[in-house]
Amino acid sequence: VPCEQAQVPEVQKLHKELKAQSQVLGWVLIAVVMIVLLLCTSVT
C-alpha cells in the first residue's frame, strides 16, 4: 500500500485510512504534551 502497488483497489484505499490514523495520533500527542506542559508549569 505505501508504494501504491497493491493490485486490489479496495486494499489500496487503506492508504488514506493509515494516513488518517497517523495524523490523529500526531494531534493526540501534541494535545497531551501541551496539557502536561500546562499542568506542570502551573503546579510549579
PDB file of all heavy atoms in Angstrom:
ATOM      1  N   VAL A   1       0.811  -1.215   0.000  1.00  0.00           N
ATOM      2  CA  VAL A   1       0.000   0.000   0.000  1.00  0.00           C
ATOM      3  C   VAL A   1       0.853   1.279   0.000  1.00  0.00           C
ATOM      4  O   VAL A   1       0.569   2.208  -0.772  1.00  0.00           O
ATOM      5  CB  VAL A   1      -0.983  -0.011   1.194  1.00  0.00           C
ATOM      6  CG1 VAL A   1      -1.642   1.350   1.373  1.00  0.00           C
ATOM      7  CG2 VAL A   1      -2.042  -1.085   0.973  1.00  0.00           C
ATOM      8  N   PRO A   2       1.909   1.416   0.831  1.00  0.00           N
ATOM      9  CA  PRO A   2       2.686   2.671   0.830  1.00  0.00           C
ATOM     10  C   PRO A   2       3.313   2.997  -0.517  1.00  0.00           C
ATOM     11  O   PRO A   2       3.535   4.175  -0.828  1.00  0.00           O
ATOM     12  CB  PRO A   2       3.769   2.410   1.888  1.00  0.00           C
ATOM     13  CG  PRO A   2       3.194   1.368   2.771  1.00  0.00           C
ATOM     14  CD  PRO A   2       2.383   0.496   1.885  1.00  0.00           C
ATOM     15  N   CYS A   3       3.622   1.972  -1.315  1.00  0.00           N
ATOM     16  CA  CYS A   3       4.237   2.202  -2.627  1.00  0.00           C
ATOM     17  C   CYS A   3       3.190   2.291  -3.737  1.00  0.00           C
ATOM     18  O   CYS A   3       3.565   2.392  -4.922  1.00  0.00           O
ATOM     19  CB  CYS A   3       5.212   1.070  -2.951  1.00  0.00           C
ATOM     20  SG  CYS A   3       6.583   0.948  -1.780  1.00  0.00           S
ATOM     21  N   GLU A   4       1.906   2.230  -3.363  1.00  0.00           N
ATOM     22  CA  GLU A   4       0.792   2.266  -4.309  1.00  0.00           C
ATOM     23  C   GLU A   4       0.913   1.170  -5.360  1.00  0.00           C
ATOM     24  O   GLU A   4       0.652   1.381  -6.551  1.00  0.00           O
ATOM     25  CB  GLU A   4       0.701   3.645  -4.973  1.00  0.00           C
ATOM     26  CG  GLU A   4       0.446   4.770  -3.977  1.00  0.00           C
ATOM     27  CD  GLU A   4       0.278   6.118  -4.638  1.00  0.00           C
ATOM     28  OE1 GLU A   4       0.420   6.178  -5.887  1.00  0.00           O
ATOM     29  OE2 GLU A   4      -0.004   7.094  -3.931  1.00  0.00           O
ATOM     30  N   GLN A   5       1.310  -0.030  -4.894  1.00  0.00           N
ATOM     31  CA  GLN A   5       1.486  -1.162  -5.795  1.00  0.00           C
ATOM     32  C   GLN A   5       0.467  -2.268  -5.538  1.00  0.00           C
ATOM     33  O   GLN A   5       0.553  -3.338  -6.149  1.00  0.00           O
ATOM     34  CB  GLN A   5       2.899  -1.730  -5.641  1.00  0.00           C
ATOM     35  CG  GLN A   5       4.000  -0.771  -6.070  1.00  0.00           C
ATOM     36  CD  GLN A   5       5.382  -1.344  -5.825  1.00  0.00           C
ATOM     37  OE1 GLN A   5       5.539  -2.422  -5.268  1.00  0.00           O
ATOM     38  NE2 GLN A   5       6.414  -0.604  -6.251  1.00  0.00           N
ATOM     39  N   ALA A   6      -0.471  -2.014  -4.631  1.00  0.00           N
ATOM     40  CA  ALA A   6      -1.486  -3.033  -4.340  1.00  0.00           C
ATOM     41  C   ALA A   6      -2.366  -3.248  -5.568  1.00  0.00           C
ATOM     42  O   ALA A   6      -2.868  -2.292  -6.166  1.00  0.00           O
ATOM     43  CB  ALA A   6      -2.326  -2.610  -3.140  1.00  0.00           C
ATOM     44  N   GLN A   7      -2.547  -4.509  -5.952  1.00  0.00           N
ATOM     45  CA  GLN A   7      -3.303  -4.827  -7.162  1.00  0.00           C
ATOM     46  C   GLN A   7      -4.806  -4.742  -6.939  1.00  0.00           C
ATOM     47  O   GLN A   7      -5.561  -4.601  -7.899  1.00  0.00           O
ATOM     48  CB  GLN A   7      -2.917  -6.234  -7.647  1.00  0.00           C
ATOM     49  CG  GLN A   7      -1.450  -6.356  -8.012  1.00  0.00           C
ATOM     50  CD  GLN A   7      -1.065  -7.782  -8.383  1.00  0.00           C
ATOM     51  OE1 GLN A   7      -1.902  -8.694  -8.333  1.00  0.00           O
ATOM     52  NE2 GLN A   7       0.195  -7.986  -8.753  1.00  0.00           N
ATOM     53  N   VAL A   8      -5.227  -4.817  -5.694  1.00  0.00           N
ATOM     54  CA  VAL A   8      -6.656  -4.747  -5.374  1.00  0.00           C
ATOM     55  C   VAL A   8      -6.994  -3.298  -4.997  1.00  0.00           C
ATOM     56  O   VAL A   8      -6.477  -2.779  -4.009  1.00  0.00           O
ATOM     57  CB  VAL A   8      -7.018  -5.689  -4.209  1.00  0.00           C
ATOM     58  CG1 VAL A   8      -8.508  -5.626  -3.915  1.00  0.00           C
ATOM     59  CG2 VAL A   8      -6.581  -7.120  -4.534  1.00  0.00           C
ATOM     60  N   PRO A   9      -7.854  -2.617  -5.774  1.00  0.00           N
ATOM     61  CA  PRO A   9      -8.186  -1.208  -5.479  1.00  0.00           C
ATOM     62  C   PRO A   9      -8.743  -1.006  -4.067  1.00  0.00           C
ATOM     63  O   PRO A   9      -8.456   0.008  -3.427  1.00  0.00           O
ATOM     64  CB  PRO A   9      -9.241  -0.873  -6.538  1.00  0.00           C
ATOM     65  CG  PRO A   9      -8.973  -1.829  -7.662  1.00  0.00           C
ATOM     66  CD  PRO A   9      -8.503  -3.101  -7.009  1.00  0.00           C
ATOM     67  N   GLU A  10      -9.521  -1.962  -3.603  1.00  0.00           N
ATOM     68  CA  GLU A  10     -10.094  -1.836  -2.262  1.00  0.00           C
ATOM     69  C   GLU A  10      -9.007  -1.819  -1.187  1.00  0.00           C
ATOM     70  O   GLU A  10      -9.126  -1.124  -0.179  1.00  0.00           O
ATOM     71  CB  GLU A  10     -11.058  -3.013  -2.012  1.00  0.00           C
ATOM     72  CG  GLU A  10     -11.838  -2.896  -0.721  1.00  0.00           C
ATOM     73  CD  GLU A  10     -12.765  -4.080  -0.509  1.00  0.00           C
ATOM     74  OE1 GLU A  10     -12.609  -5.103  -1.222  1.00  0.00           O
ATOM     75  OE2 GLU A  10     -13.627  -3.986   0.379  1.00  0.00           O
ATOM     76  N   VAL A  11      -7.924  -2.585  -1.419  1.00  0.00           N
ATOM     77  CA  VAL A  11      -6.802  -2.615  -0.469  1.00  0.00           C
ATOM     78  C   VAL A  11      -6.001  -1.325  -0.556  1.00  0.00           C
ATOM     79  O   VAL A  11      -5.562  -0.780   0.466  1.00  0.00           O
ATOM     80  CB  VAL A  11      -5.900  -3.836  -0.741  1.00  0.00           C
ATOM     81  CG1 VAL A  11      -4.695  -3.825   0.188  1.00  0.00           C
ATOM     82  CG2 VAL A  11      -6.687  -5.131  -0.578  1.00  0.00           C
ATOM     83  N   GLN A  12      -5.834  -0.792  -1.769  1.00  0.00           N
ATOM     84  CA  GLN A  12      -5.066   0.436  -1.942  1.00  0.00           C
ATOM     85  C   GLN A  12      -5.725   1.617  -1.229  1.00  0.00           C
ATOM     86  O   GLN A  12      -5.041   2.557  -0.806  1.00  0.00           O
ATOM     87  CB  GLN A  12      -4.910   0.743  -3.444  1.00  0.00           C
ATOM     88  CG  GLN A  12      -3.984   1.903  -3.748  1.00  0.00           C
ATOM     89  CD  GLN A  12      -2.573   1.708  -3.202  1.00  0.00           C
ATOM     90  OE1 GLN A  12      -1.975   0.652  -3.362  1.00  0.00           O
ATOM     91  NE2 GLN A  12      -2.067   2.719  -2.516  1.00  0.00           N
ATOM     92  N   LYS A  13      -7.049   1.549  -1.056  1.00  0.00           N
ATOM     93  CA  LYS A  13      -7.751   2.625  -0.362  1.00  0.00           C
ATOM     94  C   LYS A  13      -7.368   2.705   1.112  1.00  0.00           C
ATOM     95  O   LYS A  13      -7.622   3.709   1.770  1.00  0.00           O
ATOM     96  CB  LYS A  13      -9.263   2.423  -0.480  1.00  0.00           C
ATOM     97  CG  LYS A  13      -9.796   2.643  -1.882  1.00  0.00           C
ATOM     98  CD  LYS A  13     -11.300   2.422  -1.930  1.00  0.00           C
ATOM     99  CE  LYS A  13     -11.841   2.623  -3.346  1.00  0.00           C
ATOM    100  NZ  LYS A  13     -13.303   2.392  -3.421  1.00  0.00           N
ATOM    101  N   LEU A  14      -6.749   1.638   1.644  1.00  0.00           N
ATOM    102  CA  LEU A  14      -6.295   1.663   3.036  1.00  0.00           C
ATOM    103  C   LEU A  14      -5.199   2.701   3.266  1.00  0.00           C
ATOM    104  O   LEU A  14      -4.915   3.068   4.401  1.00  0.00           O
ATOM    105  CB  LEU A  14      -5.768   0.274   3.436  1.00  0.00           C
ATOM    106  CG  LEU A  14      -6.814  -0.842   3.587  1.00  0.00           C
ATOM    107  CD1 LEU A  14      -6.124  -2.173   3.857  1.00  0.00           C
ATOM    108  CD2 LEU A  14      -7.784  -0.506   4.715  1.00  0.00           C
ATOM    109  N   HIS A  15      -4.584   3.157   2.169  1.00  0.00           N
ATOM    110  CA  HIS A  15      -3.550   4.190   2.273  1.00  0.00           C
ATOM    111  C   HIS A  15      -4.089   5.423   2.993  1.00  0.00           C
ATOM    112  O   HIS A  15      -3.434   5.982   3.894  1.00  0.00           O
ATOM    113  CB  HIS A  15      -3.065   4.556   0.873  1.00  0.00           C
ATOM    114  CG  HIS A  15      -2.091   5.673   0.838  1.00  0.00           C
ATOM    115  ND1 HIS A  15      -0.756   5.519   1.136  1.00  0.00           N
ATOM    116  CD2 HIS A  15      -2.248   7.002   0.550  1.00  0.00           C
ATOM    117  CE1 HIS A  15      -0.140   6.679   1.030  1.00  0.00           C
ATOM    118  NE2 HIS A  15      -1.019   7.597   0.675  1.00  0.00           N
ATOM    119  N   LYS A  16      -5.292   5.856   2.623  1.00  0.00           N
ATOM    120  CA  LYS A  16      -5.900   7.029   3.250  1.00  0.00           C
ATOM    121  C   LYS A  16      -6.242   6.751   4.710  1.00  0.00           C
ATOM    122  O   LYS A  16      -6.099   7.631   5.566  1.00  0.00           O
ATOM    123  CB  LYS A  16      -7.157   7.433   2.486  1.00  0.00           C
ATOM    124  CG  LYS A  16      -6.883   7.962   1.087  1.00  0.00           C
ATOM    125  CD  LYS A  16      -8.173   8.410   0.414  1.00  0.00           C
ATOM    126  CE  LYS A  16      -7.892   8.973  -0.975  1.00  0.00           C
ATOM    127  NZ  LYS A  16      -9.149   9.417  -1.649  1.00  0.00           N
ATOM    128  N   GLU A  17      -6.678   5.536   5.001  1.00  0.00           N
ATOM    129  CA  GLU A  17      -7.043   5.199   6.379  1.00  0.00           C
ATOM    130  C   GLU A  17      -5.813   5.176   7.280  1.00  0.00           C
ATOM    131  O   GLU A  17      -5.848   5.669   8.418  1.00  0.00           O
ATOM    132  CB  GLU A  17      -7.747   3.839   6.405  1.00  0.00           C
ATOM    133  CG  GLU A  17      -8.341   3.495   7.760  1.00  0.00           C
ATOM    134  CD  GLU A  17      -9.300   2.320   7.687  1.00  0.00           C
ATOM    135  OE1 GLU A  17      -9.746   1.971   6.570  1.00  0.00           O
ATOM    136  OE2 GLU A  17      -9.599   1.762   8.762  1.00  0.00           O
ATOM    137  N   LEU A  18      -4.714   4.638   6.772  1.00  0.00           N
ATOM    138  CA  LEU A  18      -3.470   4.617   7.558  1.00  0.00           C
ATOM    139  C   LEU A  18      -2.949   6.035   7.799  1.00  0.00           C
ATOM    140  O   LEU A  18      -2.476   6.352   8.894  1.00  0.00           O
ATOM    141  CB  LEU A  18      -2.407   3.782   6.834  1.00  0.00           C
ATOM    142  CG  LEU A  18      -2.670   2.279   6.740  1.00  0.00           C
ATOM    143  CD1 LEU A  18      -1.582   1.598   5.908  1.00  0.00           C
ATOM    144  CD2 LEU A  18      -2.740   1.656   8.118  1.00  0.00           C
ATOM    145  N   LYS A  19      -3.057   6.881   6.769  1.00  0.00           N
ATOM    146  CA  LYS A  19      -2.608   8.263   6.934  1.00  0.00           C
ATOM    147  C   LYS A  19      -3.478   9.002   7.946  1.00  0.00           C
ATOM    148  O   LYS A  19      -2.984   9.800   8.755  1.00  0.00           O
ATOM    149  CB  LYS A  19      -2.633   8.979   5.595  1.00  0.00           C
ATOM    150  CG  LYS A  19      -1.988  10.361   5.663  1.00  0.00           C
ATOM    151  CD  LYS A  19      -1.688  10.906   4.272  1.00  0.00           C
ATOM    152  CE  LYS A  19      -0.889  12.204   4.361  1.00  0.00           C
ATOM    153  NZ  LYS A  19      -0.488  12.702   3.022  1.00  0.00           N
ATOM    154  N   ALA A  20      -4.778   8.722   7.921  1.00  0.00           N
ATOM    155  CA  ALA A  20      -5.687   9.357   8.884  1.00  0.00           C
ATOM    156  C   ALA A  20      -5.345   8.922  10.310  1.00  0.00           C
ATOM    157  O   ALA A  20      -5.344   9.748  11.238  1.00  0.00           O
ATOM    158  CB  ALA A  20      -7.129   9.000   8.546  1.00  0.00           C
ATOM    159  N   GLN A  21      -5.061   7.636  10.482  1.00  0.00           N
ATOM    160  CA  GLN A  21      -4.665   7.146  11.810  1.00  0.00           C
ATOM    161  C   GLN A  21      -3.406   7.864  12.296  1.00  0.00           C
ATOM    162  O   GLN A  21      -3.313   8.278  13.455  1.00  0.00           O
ATOM    163  CB  GLN A  21      -4.415   5.639  11.758  1.00  0.00           C
ATOM    164  CG  GLN A  21      -5.647   4.792  11.597  1.00  0.00           C
ATOM    165  CD  GLN A  21      -5.329   3.311  11.552  1.00  0.00           C
ATOM    166  OE1 GLN A  21      -4.161   2.916  11.655  1.00  0.00           O
ATOM    167  NE2 GLN A  21      -6.335   2.486  11.390  1.00  0.00           N
ATOM    168  N   SER A  22      -2.433   8.001  11.408  1.00  0.00           N
ATOM    169  CA  SER A  22      -1.175   8.646  11.763  1.00  0.00           C
ATOM    170  C   SER A  22      -1.400  10.091  12.190  1.00  0.00           C
ATOM    171  O   SER A  22      -0.866  10.553  13.206  1.00  0.00           O
ATOM    172  CB  SER A  22      -0.213   8.596  10.576  1.00  0.00           C
ATOM    173  OG  SER A  22       1.012   9.229  10.891  1.00  0.00           O
ATOM    174  N   GLN A  23      -2.196  10.821  11.436  1.00  0.00           N
ATOM    175  CA  GLN A  23      -2.431  12.230  11.747  1.00  0.00           C
ATOM    176  C   GLN A  23      -3.222  12.400  13.042  1.00  0.00           C
ATOM    177  O   GLN A  23      -2.962  13.330  13.814  1.00  0.00           O
ATOM    178  CB  GLN A  23      -3.148  12.904  10.574  1.00  0.00           C
ATOM    179  CG  GLN A  23      -2.266  13.026   9.339  1.00  0.00           C
ATOM    180  CD  GLN A  23      -2.981  13.628   8.155  1.00  0.00           C
ATOM    181  OE1 GLN A  23      -4.210  13.582   8.077  1.00  0.00           O
ATOM    182  NE2 GLN A  23      -2.221  14.191   7.221  1.00  0.00           N
ATOM    183  N   VAL A  24      -4.171  11.509  13.285  1.00  0.00           N
ATOM    184  CA  VAL A  24      -4.924  11.569  14.545  1.00  0.00           C
ATOM    185  C   VAL A  24      -3.983  11.338  15.726  1.00  0.00           C
ATOM    186  O   VAL A  24      -4.031  12.059  16.736  1.00  0.00           O
ATOM    187  CB  VAL A  24      -6.070  10.531  14.552  1.00  0.00           C
ATOM    188  CG1 VAL A  24      -6.651  10.389  15.956  1.00  0.00           C
ATOM    189  CG2 VAL A  24      -7.161  10.946  13.577  1.00  0.00           C
ATOM    190  N   LEU A  25      -3.100  10.343  15.610  1.00  0.00           N
ATOM    191  CA  LEU A  25      -2.127  10.089  16.668  1.00  0.00           C
ATOM    192  C   LEU A  25      -1.206  11.289  16.883  1.00  0.00           C
ATOM    193  O   LEU A  25      -0.839  11.621  18.014  1.00  0.00           O
ATOM    194  CB  LEU A  25      -1.297   8.845  16.328  1.00  0.00           C
ATOM    195  CG  LEU A  25      -2.013   7.500  16.438  1.00  0.00           C
ATOM    196  CD1 LEU A  25      -1.105   6.384  15.932  1.00  0.00           C
ATOM    197  CD2 LEU A  25      -2.437   7.220  17.874  1.00  0.00           C
ATOM    198  N   GLY A  26      -0.828  11.959  15.784  1.00  0.00           N
ATOM    199  CA  GLY A  26       0.022  13.141  15.888  1.00  0.00           C
ATOM    200  C   GLY A  26      -0.645  14.259  16.665  1.00  0.00           C
ATOM    201  O   GLY A  26      -0.036  14.872  17.554  1.00  0.00           O
ATOM    202  N   TRP A  27      -1.911  14.537  16.346  1.00  0.00           N
ATOM    203  CA  TRP A  27      -2.622  15.597  17.059  1.00  0.00           C
ATOM    204  C   TRP A  27      -2.897  15.218  18.518  1.00  0.00           C
ATOM    205  O   TRP A  27      -2.863  16.090  19.404  1.00  0.00           O
ATOM    206  CB  TRP A  27      -3.932  15.927  16.349  1.00  0.00           C
ATOM    207  CG  TRP A  27      -3.735  16.755  15.115  1.00  0.00           C
ATOM    208  CD1 TRP A  27      -3.994  16.406  13.829  1.00  0.00           C
ATOM    209  CD2 TRP A  27      -3.210  18.087  15.064  1.00  0.00           C
ATOM    210  NE1 TRP A  27      -3.661  17.418  12.967  1.00  0.00           N
ATOM    211  CE2 TRP A  27      -3.187  18.475  13.695  1.00  0.00           C
ATOM    212  CE3 TRP A  27      -2.768  18.988  16.019  1.00  0.00           C
ATOM    213  CZ2 TRP A  27      -2.727  19.722  13.292  1.00  0.00           C
ATOM    214  CZ3 TRP A  27      -2.307  20.238  15.613  1.00  0.00           C
ATOM    215  CH2 TRP A  27      -2.288  20.597  14.265  1.00  0.00           C
ATOM    216  N   VAL A  28      -3.157  13.947  18.775  1.00  0.00           N
ATOM    217  CA  VAL A  28      -3.351  13.494  20.157  1.00  0.00           C
ATOM    218  C   VAL A  28      -2.064  13.690  20.956  1.00  0.00           C
ATOM    219  O   VAL A  28      -2.091  14.151  22.105  1.00  0.00           O
ATOM    220  CB  VAL A  28      -3.792  12.016  20.195  1.00  0.00           C
ATOM    221  CG1 VAL A  28      -3.708  11.458  21.621  1.00  0.00           C
ATOM    222  CG2 VAL A  28      -5.214  11.871  19.672  1.00  0.00           C
ATOM    223  N   LEU A  29      -0.930  13.342  20.353  1.00  0.00           N
ATOM    224  CA  LEU A  29       0.365  13.527  21.024  1.00  0.00           C
ATOM    225  C   LEU A  29       0.601  15.006  21.340  1.00  0.00           C
ATOM    226  O   LEU A  29       1.019  15.351  22.453  1.00  0.00           O
ATOM    227  CB  LEU A  29       1.485  12.990  20.141  1.00  0.00           C
ATOM    228  CG  LEU A  29       2.918  13.207  20.664  1.00  0.00           C
ATOM    229  CD1 LEU A  29       3.122  12.484  21.994  1.00  0.00           C
ATOM    230  CD2 LEU A  29       3.948  12.730  19.642  1.00  0.00           C
ATOM    231  N   ILE A  30       0.323  15.890  20.376  1.00  0.00           N
ATOM    232  CA  ILE A  30       0.505  17.326  20.595  1.00  0.00           C
ATOM    233  C   ILE A  30      -0.390  17.818  21.728  1.00  0.00           C
ATOM    234  O   ILE A  30       0.039  18.572  22.609  1.00  0.00           O
ATOM    235  CB  ILE A  30       0.221  18.102  19.296  1.00  0.00           C
ATOM    236  CG1 ILE A  30       1.299  17.798  18.248  1.00  0.00           C
ATOM    237  CG2 ILE A  30       0.165  19.606  19.555  1.00  0.00           C
ATOM    238  CD1 ILE A  30       1.020  18.381  16.884  1.00  0.00           C
ATOM    239  N   ALA A  31      -1.660  17.363  21.729  1.00  0.00           N
ATOM    240  CA  ALA A  31      -2.601  17.790  22.772  1.00  0.00           C
ATOM    241  C   ALA A  31      -2.153  17.315  24.145  1.00  0.00           C
ATOM    242  O   ALA A  31      -2.193  18.072  25.125  1.00  0.00           O
ATOM    243  CB  ALA A  31      -3.998  17.254  22.456  1.00  0.00           C
ATOM    244  N   VAL A  32      -1.697  16.058  24.239  1.00  0.00           N
ATOM    245  CA  VAL A  32      -1.250  15.511  25.525  1.00  0.00           C
ATOM    246  C   VAL A  32      -0.040  16.270  26.040  1.00  0.00           C
ATOM    247  O   VAL A  32       0.040  16.623  27.229  1.00  0.00           O
ATOM    248  CB  VAL A  32      -0.939  14.004  25.388  1.00  0.00           C
ATOM    249  CG1 VAL A  32      -0.227  13.484  26.629  1.00  0.00           C
ATOM    250  CG2 VAL A  32      -2.217  13.213  25.147  1.00  0.00           C
ATOM    251  N   VAL A  33       0.925  16.538  25.142  1.00  0.00           N
ATOM    252  CA  VAL A  33       2.140  17.268  25.543  1.00  0.00           C
ATOM    253  C   VAL A  33       1.786  18.664  26.036  1.00  0.00           C
ATOM    254  O   VAL A  33       2.308  19.130  27.068  1.00  0.00           O
ATOM    255  CB  VAL A  33       3.137  17.347  24.369  1.00  0.00           C
ATOM    256  CG1 VAL A  33       4.269  18.303  24.688  1.00  0.00           C
ATOM    257  CG2 VAL A  33       3.696  15.962  24.069  1.00  0.00           C
ATOM    258  N   MET A  34       0.895  19.349  25.333  1.00  0.00           N
ATOM    259  CA  MET A  34       0.512  20.704  25.732  1.00  0.00           C
ATOM    260  C   MET A  34      -0.198  20.709  27.082  1.00  0.00           C
ATOM    261  O   MET A  34       0.040  21.581  27.930  1.00  0.00           O
ATOM    262  CB  MET A  34      -0.385  21.331  24.663  1.00  0.00           C
ATOM    263  CG  MET A  34       0.303  21.573  23.336  1.00  0.00           C
ATOM    264  SD  MET A  34       1.742  22.672  23.469  1.00  0.00           S
ATOM    265  CE  MET A  34       0.953  24.201  23.920  1.00  0.00           C
ATOM    266  N   ILE A  35      -1.077  19.731  27.302  1.00  0.00           N
ATOM    267  CA  ILE A  35      -1.800  19.655  28.576  1.00  0.00           C
ATOM    268  C   ILE A  35      -0.838  19.368  29.721  1.00  0.00           C
ATOM    269  O   ILE A  35      -0.893  20.004  30.779  1.00  0.00           O
ATOM    270  CB  ILE A  35      -2.902  18.575  28.497  1.00  0.00           C
ATOM    271  CG1 ILE A  35      -4.009  19.021  27.534  1.00  0.00           C
ATOM    272  CG2 ILE A  35      -3.502  18.303  29.882  1.00  0.00           C
ATOM    273  CD1 ILE A  35      -5.034  17.950  27.236  1.00  0.00           C
ATOM    274  N   VAL A  36       0.066  18.401  29.521  1.00  0.00           N
ATOM    275  CA  VAL A  36       1.044  18.057  30.566  1.00  0.00           C
ATOM    276  C   VAL A  36       1.951  19.249  30.850  1.00  0.00           C
ATOM    277  O   VAL A  36       2.251  19.558  32.009  1.00  0.00           O
ATOM    278  CB  VAL A  36       1.876  16.828  30.144  1.00  0.00           C
ATOM    279  CG1 VAL A  36       3.031  16.597  31.115  1.00  0.00           C
ATOM    280  CG2 VAL A  36       0.980  15.591  30.095  1.00  0.00           C
ATOM    281  N   LEU A  37       2.385  19.942  29.787  1.00  0.00           N
ATOM    282  CA  LEU A  37       3.244  21.111  29.960  1.00  0.00           C
ATOM    283  C   LEU A  37       2.539  22.209  30.752  1.00  0.00           C
ATOM    284  O   LEU A  37       3.121  22.818  31.665  1.00  0.00           O
ATOM    285  CB  LEU A  37       3.676  21.646  28.591  1.00  0.00           C
ATOM    286  CG  LEU A  37       4.574  22.891  28.584  1.00  0.00           C
ATOM    287  CD1 LEU A  37       5.894  22.602  29.283  1.00  0.00           C
ATOM    288  CD2 LEU A  37       4.820  23.367  27.154  1.00  0.00           C
ATOM    289  N   LEU A  38       1.271  22.459  30.408  1.00  0.00           N
ATOM    290  CA  LEU A  38       0.498  23.483  31.114  1.00  0.00           C
ATOM    291  C   LEU A  38       0.315  23.119  32.581  1.00  0.00           C
ATOM    292  O   LEU A  38       0.486  23.963  33.468  1.00  0.00           O
ATOM    293  CB  LEU A  38      -0.858  23.667  30.430  1.00  0.00           C
ATOM    294  CG  LEU A  38      -1.818  24.668  31.100  1.00  0.00           C
ATOM    295  CD1 LEU A  38      -1.202  26.059  31.120  1.00  0.00           C
ATOM    296  CD2 LEU A  38      -3.163  24.678  30.381  1.00  0.00           C
ATOM    297  N   LEU A  39      -0.014  21.853  32.850  1.00  0.00           N
ATOM    298  CA  LEU A  39      -0.224  21.412  34.230  1.00  0.00           C
ATOM    299  C   LEU A  39       1.060  21.510  35.044  1.00  0.00           C
ATOM    300  O   LEU A  39       1.055  22.021  36.179  1.00  0.00           O
ATOM    301  CB  LEU A  39      -0.760  19.978  34.253  1.00  0.00           C
ATOM    302  CG  LEU A  39      -2.206  19.778  33.772  1.00  0.00           C
ATOM    303  CD1 LEU A  39      -2.553  18.298  33.743  1.00  0.00           C
ATOM    304  CD2 LEU A  39      -3.176  20.536  34.668  1.00  0.00           C
ATOM    305  N   CYS A  40       2.162  21.028  34.479  1.00  0.00           N
ATOM    306  CA  CYS A  40       3.443  21.061  35.205  1.00  0.00           C
ATOM    307  C   CYS A  40       3.890  22.496  35.476  1.00  0.00           C
ATOM    308  O   CYS A  40       4.348  22.810  36.580  1.00  0.00           O
ATOM    309  CB  CYS A  40       4.518  20.315  34.410  1.00  0.00           C
ATOM    310  SG  CYS A  40       4.267  18.534  34.332  1.00  0.00           S
ATOM    311  N   THR A  41       3.740  23.368  34.463  1.00  0.00           N
ATOM    312  CA  THR A  41       4.133  24.765  34.643  1.00  0.00           C
ATOM    313  C   THR A  41       3.264  25.441  35.701  1.00  0.00           C
ATOM    314  O   THR A  41       3.766  26.185  36.555  1.00  0.00           O
ATOM    315  CB  THR A  41       4.021  25.525  33.314  1.00  0.00           C
ATOM    316  OG1 THR A  41       4.828  24.871  32.326  1.00  0.00           O
ATOM    317  CG2 THR A  41       4.488  26.962  33.467  1.00  0.00           C
ATOM    318  N   SER A  42       1.962  25.165  35.656  1.00  0.00           N
ATOM    319  CA  SER A  42       1.048  25.782  36.617  1.00  0.00           C
ATOM    320  C   SER A  42       1.339  25.319  38.038  1.00  0.00           C
ATOM    321  O   SER A  42       1.375  26.134  38.971  1.00  0.00           O
ATOM    322  CB  SER A  42      -0.405  25.446  36.244  1.00  0.00           C
ATOM    323  OG  SER A  42      -0.721  25.934  34.957  1.00  0.00           O
ATOM    324  N   VAL A  43       1.563  24.009  38.213  1.00  0.00           N
ATOM    325  CA  VAL A  43       1.839  23.479  39.548  1.00  0.00           C
ATOM    326  C   VAL A  43       3.168  24.016  40.070  1.00  0.00           C
ATOM    327  O   VAL A  43       3.285  24.411  41.238  1.00  0.00           O
ATOM    328  CB  VAL A  43       1.846  21.938  39.520  1.00  0.00           C
ATOM    329  CG1 VAL A  43       2.347  21.373  40.846  1.00  0.00           C
ATOM    330  CG2 VAL A  43       0.449  21.406  39.229  1.00  0.00           C
ATOM    331  N   THR A  44       4.179  24.049  39.209  1.00  0.00           N
ATOM    332  CA  THR A  44       5.491  24.554  39.612  1.00  0.00           C
ATOM    333  C   THR A  44       5.419  26.013  40.036  1.00  0.00           C
ATOM    334  O   THR A  44       5.996  26.412  41.049  1.00  0.00           O
ATOM    335  CB  THR A  44       6.495  24.398  38.455  1.00  0.00           C
ATOM    336  OG1 THR A  44       6.569  23.021  38.081  1.00  0.00           O
ATOM    337  CG2 THR A  44       7.876  24.856  38.869  1.00  0.00           C
TER     338      THR A  44
END
